[in-house]
PDB file of all heavy atoms in Angstrom:
ATOM      1  N   ARG A   1      -3.140   7.626   6.399  1.00  0.00           N
ATOM      2  CA  ARG A   1      -4.433   7.093   5.966  1.00  0.00           C
ATOM      3  C   ARG A   1      -4.552   5.586   6.142  1.00  0.00           C
ATOM      4  O   ARG A   1      -5.637   5.022   6.020  1.00  0.00           O
ATOM      5  CB  ARG A   1      -4.665   7.443   4.489  1.00  0.00           C
ATOM      6  CG  ARG A   1      -4.789   8.927   4.245  1.00  0.00           C
ATOM      7  CD  ARG A   1      -4.873   9.257   2.761  1.00  0.00           C
ATOM      8  NE  ARG A   1      -6.024   8.631   2.118  1.00  0.00           N
ATOM      9  CZ  ARG A   1      -6.326   8.802   0.829  1.00  0.00           C
ATOM     10  NH1 ARG A   1      -5.573   9.596   0.076  1.00  0.00           N
ATOM     11  NH2 ARG A   1      -7.379   8.208   0.307  1.00  0.00           N
ATOM     12  N   ARG A   2      -3.453   4.936   6.447  1.00  0.00           N
ATOM     13  CA  ARG A   2      -3.405   3.479   6.472  1.00  0.00           C
ATOM     14  C   ARG A   2      -4.481   2.819   7.333  1.00  0.00           C
ATOM     15  O   ARG A   2      -5.075   1.813   6.917  1.00  0.00           O
ATOM     16  CB  ARG A   2      -2.018   3.018   6.912  1.00  0.00           C
ATOM     17  CG  ARG A   2      -1.824   1.511   6.811  1.00  0.00           C
ATOM     18  CD  ARG A   2      -0.375   1.128   6.979  1.00  0.00           C
ATOM     19  NE  ARG A   2      -0.164  -0.281   6.707  1.00  0.00           N
ATOM     20  CZ  ARG A   2       0.928  -0.772   6.137  1.00  0.00           C
ATOM     21  NH1 ARG A   2       1.905   0.040   5.771  1.00  0.00           N
ATOM     22  NH2 ARG A   2       1.043  -2.065   5.922  1.00  0.00           N
ATOM     23  N   PRO A   3      -4.777   3.310   8.548  1.00  0.00           N
ATOM     24  CA  PRO A   3      -5.793   2.645   9.368  1.00  0.00           C
ATOM     25  C   PRO A   3      -7.163   2.547   8.700  1.00  0.00           C
ATOM     26  O   PRO A   3      -7.944   1.640   9.008  1.00  0.00           O
ATOM     27  CB  PRO A   3      -5.836   3.519  10.633  1.00  0.00           C
ATOM     28  CG  PRO A   3      -4.490   4.156  10.709  1.00  0.00           C
ATOM     29  CD  PRO A   3      -4.123   4.420   9.283  1.00  0.00           C
ATOM     30  N   ALA A   4      -7.466   3.467   7.783  1.00  0.00           N
ATOM     31  CA  ALA A   4      -8.781   3.479   7.137  1.00  0.00           C
ATOM     32  C   ALA A   4      -8.786   2.733   5.804  1.00  0.00           C
ATOM     33  O   ALA A   4      -9.836   2.589   5.169  1.00  0.00           O
ATOM     34  CB  ALA A   4      -9.240   4.920   6.900  1.00  0.00           C
ATOM     35  N   LEU A   5      -7.616   2.230   5.366  1.00  0.00           N
ATOM     36  CA  LEU A   5      -7.511   1.589   4.059  1.00  0.00           C
ATOM     37  C   LEU A   5      -7.767   0.088   4.132  1.00  0.00           C
ATOM     38  O   LEU A   5      -7.510  -0.558   5.148  1.00  0.00           O
ATOM     39  CB  LEU A   5      -6.124   1.838   3.454  1.00  0.00           C
ATOM     40  CG  LEU A   5      -5.744   3.294   3.166  1.00  0.00           C
ATOM     41  CD1 LEU A   5      -4.313   3.362   2.657  1.00  0.00           C
ATOM     42  CD2 LEU A   5      -6.706   3.921   2.172  1.00  0.00           C
ATOM     43  N   SER A   6      -8.279  -0.464   3.033  1.00  0.00           N
ATOM     44  CA  SER A   6      -8.456  -1.909   2.880  1.00  0.00           C
ATOM     45  C   SER A   6      -7.459  -2.415   1.835  1.00  0.00           C
ATOM     46  O   SER A   6      -6.937  -1.641   1.032  1.00  0.00           O
ATOM     47  CB  SER A   6      -9.881  -2.235   2.424  1.00  0.00           C
ATOM     48  OG  SER A   6     -10.833  -1.807   3.374  1.00  0.00           O
ATOM     49  N   CYS A   7      -7.231  -3.727   1.869  1.00  0.00           N
ATOM     50  CA  CYS A   7      -6.383  -4.380   0.859  1.00  0.00           C
ATOM     51  C   CYS A   7      -5.004  -3.722   0.767  1.00  0.00           C
ATOM     52  O   CYS A   7      -4.490  -3.473  -0.334  1.00  0.00           O
ATOM     53  CB  CYS A   7      -7.050  -4.367  -0.512  1.00  0.00           C
ATOM     54  SG  CYS A   7      -8.749  -4.977  -0.522  1.00  0.00           S
ATOM     55  N   VAL A   8      -4.406  -3.410   1.906  1.00  0.00           N
ATOM     56  CA  VAL A   8      -3.086  -2.767   1.911  1.00  0.00           C
ATOM     57  C   VAL A   8      -2.015  -3.771   1.470  1.00  0.00           C
ATOM     58  O   VAL A   8      -1.972  -4.902   1.948  1.00  0.00           O
ATOM     59  CB  VAL A   8      -2.748  -2.211   3.308  1.00  0.00           C
ATOM     60  CG1 VAL A   8      -1.310  -1.705   3.354  1.00  0.00           C
ATOM     61  CG2 VAL A   8      -3.722  -1.102   3.678  1.00  0.00           C
ATOM     62  N   ARG A   9      -1.184  -3.330   0.544  1.00  0.00           N
ATOM     63  CA  ARG A   9      -0.098  -4.173   0.035  1.00  0.00           C
ATOM     64  C   ARG A   9       1.182  -3.350  -0.041  1.00  0.00           C
ATOM     65  O   ARG A   9       1.148  -2.157  -0.326  1.00  0.00           O
ATOM     66  CB  ARG A   9      -0.436  -4.714  -1.353  1.00  0.00           C
ATOM     67  CG  ARG A   9      -1.667  -5.601  -1.409  1.00  0.00           C
ATOM     68  CD  ARG A   9      -1.382  -6.973  -0.792  1.00  0.00           C
ATOM     69  NE  ARG A   9      -2.558  -7.815  -0.889  1.00  0.00           N
ATOM     70  CZ  ARG A   9      -3.497  -7.915   0.041  1.00  0.00           C
ATOM     71  NH1 ARG A   9      -3.390  -7.207   1.159  1.00  0.00           N
ATOM     72  NH2 ARG A   9      -4.534  -8.713  -0.123  1.00  0.00           N
ATOM     73  N   GLU A  10       2.310  -4.035   0.190  1.00  0.00           N
ATOM     74  CA  GLU A  10       3.615  -3.402   0.040  1.00  0.00           C
ATOM     75  C   GLU A  10       4.491  -4.290  -0.830  1.00  0.00           C
ATOM     76  O   GLU A  10       4.537  -5.508  -0.640  1.00  0.00           O
ATOM     77  CB  GLU A  10       4.276  -3.190   1.401  1.00  0.00           C
ATOM     78  CG  GLU A  10       3.532  -2.214   2.301  1.00  0.00           C
ATOM     79  CD  GLU A  10       4.297  -1.902   3.574  1.00  0.00           C
ATOM     80  OE1 GLU A  10       5.548  -2.097   3.575  1.00  0.00           O
ATOM     81  OE2 GLU A  10       3.685  -1.472   4.558  1.00  0.00           O
ATOM     82  N   PHE A  11       5.143  -3.680  -1.827  1.00  0.00           N
ATOM     83  CA  PHE A  11       5.991  -4.422  -2.738  1.00  0.00           C
ATOM     84  C   PHE A  11       7.369  -3.783  -2.774  1.00  0.00           C
ATOM     85  O   PHE A  11       7.503  -2.575  -3.026  1.00  0.00           O
ATOM     86  CB  PHE A  11       5.398  -4.423  -4.153  1.00  0.00           C
ATOM     87  CG  PHE A  11       4.023  -5.038  -4.235  1.00  0.00           C
ATOM     88  CD1 PHE A  11       2.894  -4.232  -4.239  1.00  0.00           C
ATOM     89  CD2 PHE A  11       3.871  -6.412  -4.300  1.00  0.00           C
ATOM     90  CE1 PHE A  11       1.625  -4.790  -4.309  1.00  0.00           C
ATOM     91  CE2 PHE A  11       2.604  -6.987  -4.372  1.00  0.00           C
ATOM     92  CZ  PHE A  11       1.488  -6.172  -4.378  1.00  0.00           C
ATOM     93  N   VAL A  12       8.386  -4.588  -2.523  1.00  0.00           N
ATOM     94  CA  VAL A  12       9.764  -4.113  -2.593  1.00  0.00           C
ATOM     95  C   VAL A  12      10.242  -4.291  -4.028  1.00  0.00           C
ATOM     96  O   VAL A  12      10.281  -5.402  -4.551  1.00  0.00           O
ATOM     97  CB  VAL A  12      10.674  -4.880  -1.626  1.00  0.00           C
ATOM     98  CG1 VAL A  12      12.114  -4.378  -1.753  1.00  0.00           C
ATOM     99  CG2 VAL A  12      10.193  -4.708  -0.186  1.00  0.00           C
ATOM    100  N   THR A  13      10.597  -3.188  -4.681  1.00  0.00           N
ATOM    101  CA  THR A  13      11.030  -3.214  -6.070  1.00  0.00           C
ATOM    102  C   THR A  13      12.409  -2.576  -6.195  1.00  0.00           C
ATOM    103  O   THR A  13      12.953  -2.041  -5.222  1.00  0.00           O
ATOM    104  CB  THR A  13      10.040  -2.443  -6.967  1.00  0.00           C
ATOM    105  OG1 THR A  13      10.200  -1.028  -6.732  1.00  0.00           O
ATOM    106  CG2 THR A  13       8.600  -2.848  -6.652  1.00  0.00           C
ATOM    107  N   GLU A  14      12.956  -2.608  -7.407  1.00  0.00           N
ATOM    108  CA  GLU A  14      14.241  -1.961  -7.662  1.00  0.00           C
ATOM    109  C   GLU A  14      14.138  -0.456  -7.436  1.00  0.00           C
ATOM    110  O   GLU A  14      15.122   0.203  -7.124  1.00  0.00           O
ATOM    111  CB  GLU A  14      14.688  -2.244  -9.097  1.00  0.00           C
ATOM    112  CG  GLU A  14      15.097  -3.692  -9.360  1.00  0.00           C
ATOM    113  CD  GLU A  14      16.376  -4.060  -8.640  1.00  0.00           C
ATOM    114  OE1 GLU A  14      17.263  -3.189  -8.511  1.00  0.00           O
ATOM    115  OE2 GLU A  14      16.498  -5.219  -8.198  1.00  0.00           O
ATOM    116  N   GLN A  15      12.929   0.086  -7.620  1.00  0.00           N
ATOM    117  CA  GLN A  15      12.736   1.533  -7.473  1.00  0.00           C
ATOM    118  C   GLN A  15      12.350   1.945  -6.053  1.00  0.00           C
ATOM    119  O   GLN A  15      12.197   3.134  -5.779  1.00  0.00           O
ATOM    120  CB  GLN A  15      11.652   2.008  -8.446  1.00  0.00           C
ATOM    121  CG  GLN A  15      12.053   1.946  -9.918  1.00  0.00           C
ATOM    122  CD  GLN A  15      11.945   0.543 -10.493  1.00  0.00           C
ATOM    123  OE1 GLN A  15      11.167  -0.269 -10.004  1.00  0.00           O
ATOM    124  NE2 GLN A  15      12.731   0.265 -11.515  1.00  0.00           N
ATOM    125  N   GLY A  16      12.167   0.982  -5.167  1.00  0.00           N
ATOM    126  CA  GLY A  16      11.797   1.305  -3.794  1.00  0.00           C
ATOM    127  C   GLY A  16      10.626   0.468  -3.313  1.00  0.00           C
ATOM    128  O   GLY A  16      10.156  -0.432  -4.004  1.00  0.00           O
ATOM    129  N   CYS A  17      10.137   0.772  -2.122  1.00  0.00           N
ATOM    130  CA  CYS A  17       8.994   0.059  -1.545  1.00  0.00           C
ATOM    131  C   CYS A  17       7.719   0.795  -1.924  1.00  0.00           C
ATOM    132  O   CYS A  17       7.523   1.943  -1.534  1.00  0.00           O
ATOM    133  CB  CYS A  17       9.129  -0.021  -0.025  1.00  0.00           C
ATOM    134  SG  CYS A  17       7.757  -0.892   0.771  1.00  0.00           S
ATOM    135  N   TRP A  18       6.858   0.124  -2.695  1.00  0.00           N
ATOM    136  CA  TRP A  18       5.607   0.731  -3.141  1.00  0.00           C
ATOM    137  C   TRP A  18       4.451   0.200  -2.318  1.00  0.00           C
ATOM    138  O   TRP A  18       4.328  -0.999  -2.081  1.00  0.00           O
ATOM    139  CB  TRP A  18       5.360   0.428  -4.614  1.00  0.00           C
ATOM    140  CG  TRP A  18       6.371   1.044  -5.527  1.00  0.00           C
ATOM    141  CD1 TRP A  18       7.247   2.053  -5.236  1.00  0.00           C
ATOM    142  CD2 TRP A  18       6.636   0.687  -6.889  1.00  0.00           C
ATOM    143  NE1 TRP A  18       8.033   2.350  -6.322  1.00  0.00           N
ATOM    144  CE2 TRP A  18       7.676   1.529  -7.354  1.00  0.00           C
ATOM    145  CE3 TRP A  18       6.092  -0.245  -7.759  1.00  0.00           C
ATOM    146  CZ2 TRP A  18       8.172   1.456  -8.653  1.00  0.00           C
ATOM    147  CZ3 TRP A  18       6.580  -0.321  -9.048  1.00  0.00           C
ATOM    148  CH2 TRP A  18       7.613   0.521  -9.494  1.00  0.00           C
ATOM    149  N   LYS A  19       3.593   1.106  -1.899  1.00  0.00           N
ATOM    150  CA  LYS A  19       2.445   0.738  -1.077  1.00  0.00           C
ATOM    151  C   LYS A  19       1.152   1.027  -1.840  1.00  0.00           C
ATOM    152  O   LYS A  19       1.058   2.004  -2.577  1.00  0.00           O
ATOM    153  CB  LYS A  19       2.457   1.516   0.239  1.00  0.00           C
ATOM    154  CG  LYS A  19       3.702   1.280   1.085  1.00  0.00           C
ATOM    155  CD  LYS A  19       3.731   2.174   2.315  1.00  0.00           C
ATOM    156  CE  LYS A  19       5.007   1.979   3.121  1.00  0.00           C
ATOM    157  NZ  LYS A  19       5.081   2.872   4.295  1.00  0.00           N
ATOM    158  N   TYR A  20       0.168   0.150  -1.633  1.00  0.00           N
ATOM    159  CA  TYR A  20      -1.141   0.301  -2.266  1.00  0.00           C
ATOM    160  C   TYR A  20      -2.235   0.095  -1.221  1.00  0.00           C
ATOM    161  O   TYR A  20      -2.050  -0.625  -0.242  1.00  0.00           O
ATOM    162  CB  TYR A  20      -1.348  -0.747  -3.362  1.00  0.00           C
ATOM    163  CG  TYR A  20      -0.445  -0.636  -4.565  1.00  0.00           C
ATOM    164  CD1 TYR A  20       0.853  -1.139  -4.532  1.00  0.00           C
ATOM    165  CD2 TYR A  20      -0.893  -0.063  -5.747  1.00  0.00           C
ATOM    166  CE1 TYR A  20       1.678  -1.065  -5.647  1.00  0.00           C
ATOM    167  CE2 TYR A  20      -0.080   0.015  -6.870  1.00  0.00           C
ATOM    168  CZ  TYR A  20       1.207  -0.490  -6.820  1.00  0.00           C
ATOM    169  OH  TYR A  20       2.018  -0.415  -7.913  1.00  0.00           O
ATOM    170  N   GLY A  21      -3.389   0.691  -1.467  1.00  0.00           N
ATOM    171  CA  GLY A  21      -4.532   0.461  -0.592  1.00  0.00           C
ATOM    172  C   GLY A  21      -5.811   0.971  -1.237  1.00  0.00           C
ATOM    173  O   GLY A  21      -5.770   1.710  -2.227  1.00  0.00           O
ATOM    174  N   LEU A  22      -6.952   0.556  -0.683  1.00  0.00           N
ATOM    175  CA  LEU A  22      -8.264   1.005  -1.164  1.00  0.00           C
ATOM    176  C   LEU A  22      -8.993   1.716  -0.035  1.00  0.00           C
ATOM    177  O   LEU A  22      -9.025   1.226   1.089  1.00  0.00           O
ATOM    178  CB  LEU A  22      -9.106  -0.194  -1.615  1.00  0.00           C
ATOM    179  CG  LEU A  22      -8.974  -0.680  -3.054  1.00  0.00           C
ATOM    180  CD1 LEU A  22      -9.817  -1.937  -3.234  1.00  0.00           C
ATOM    181  CD2 LEU A  22      -9.403   0.386  -4.041  1.00  0.00           C
ATOM    182  N   ASP A  23      -9.596   2.858  -0.352  1.00  0.00           N
ATOM    183  CA  ASP A  23     -10.371   3.609   0.637  1.00  0.00           C
ATOM    184  C   ASP A  23     -11.847   3.451   0.310  1.00  0.00           C
ATOM    185  O   ASP A  23     -12.359   4.065  -0.625  1.00  0.00           O
ATOM    186  CB  ASP A  23      -9.965   5.080   0.602  1.00  0.00           C
ATOM    187  CG  ASP A  23     -10.540   5.857   1.775  1.00  0.00           C
ATOM    188  OD1 ASP A  23     -11.444   5.325   2.436  1.00  0.00           O
ATOM    189  OD2 ASP A  23     -10.078   6.984   2.025  1.00  0.00           O
ATOM    190  N   ILE A  24     -12.554   2.592   1.062  1.00  0.00           N
ATOM    191  CA  ILE A  24     -13.964   2.315   0.751  1.00  0.00           C
ATOM    192  C   ILE A  24     -14.896   2.790   1.861  1.00  0.00           C
ATOM    193  O   ILE A  24     -16.031   2.338   1.962  1.00  0.00           O
ATOM    194  CB  ILE A  24     -14.187   0.806   0.512  1.00  0.00           C
ATOM    195  CG1 ILE A  24     -13.839   0.007   1.772  1.00  0.00           C
ATOM    196  CG2 ILE A  24     -13.404   0.313  -0.677  1.00  0.00           C
ATOM    197  CD1 ILE A  24     -14.264  -1.442   1.694  1.00  0.00           C
TER     198      ILE A  24
END
């Protein structure tokens, strides 16, 4: 879904790499 998402962010944490995005 990434190509259609806005405001994509990736955060490396102790629990793993978390990704966020908005579908508008």
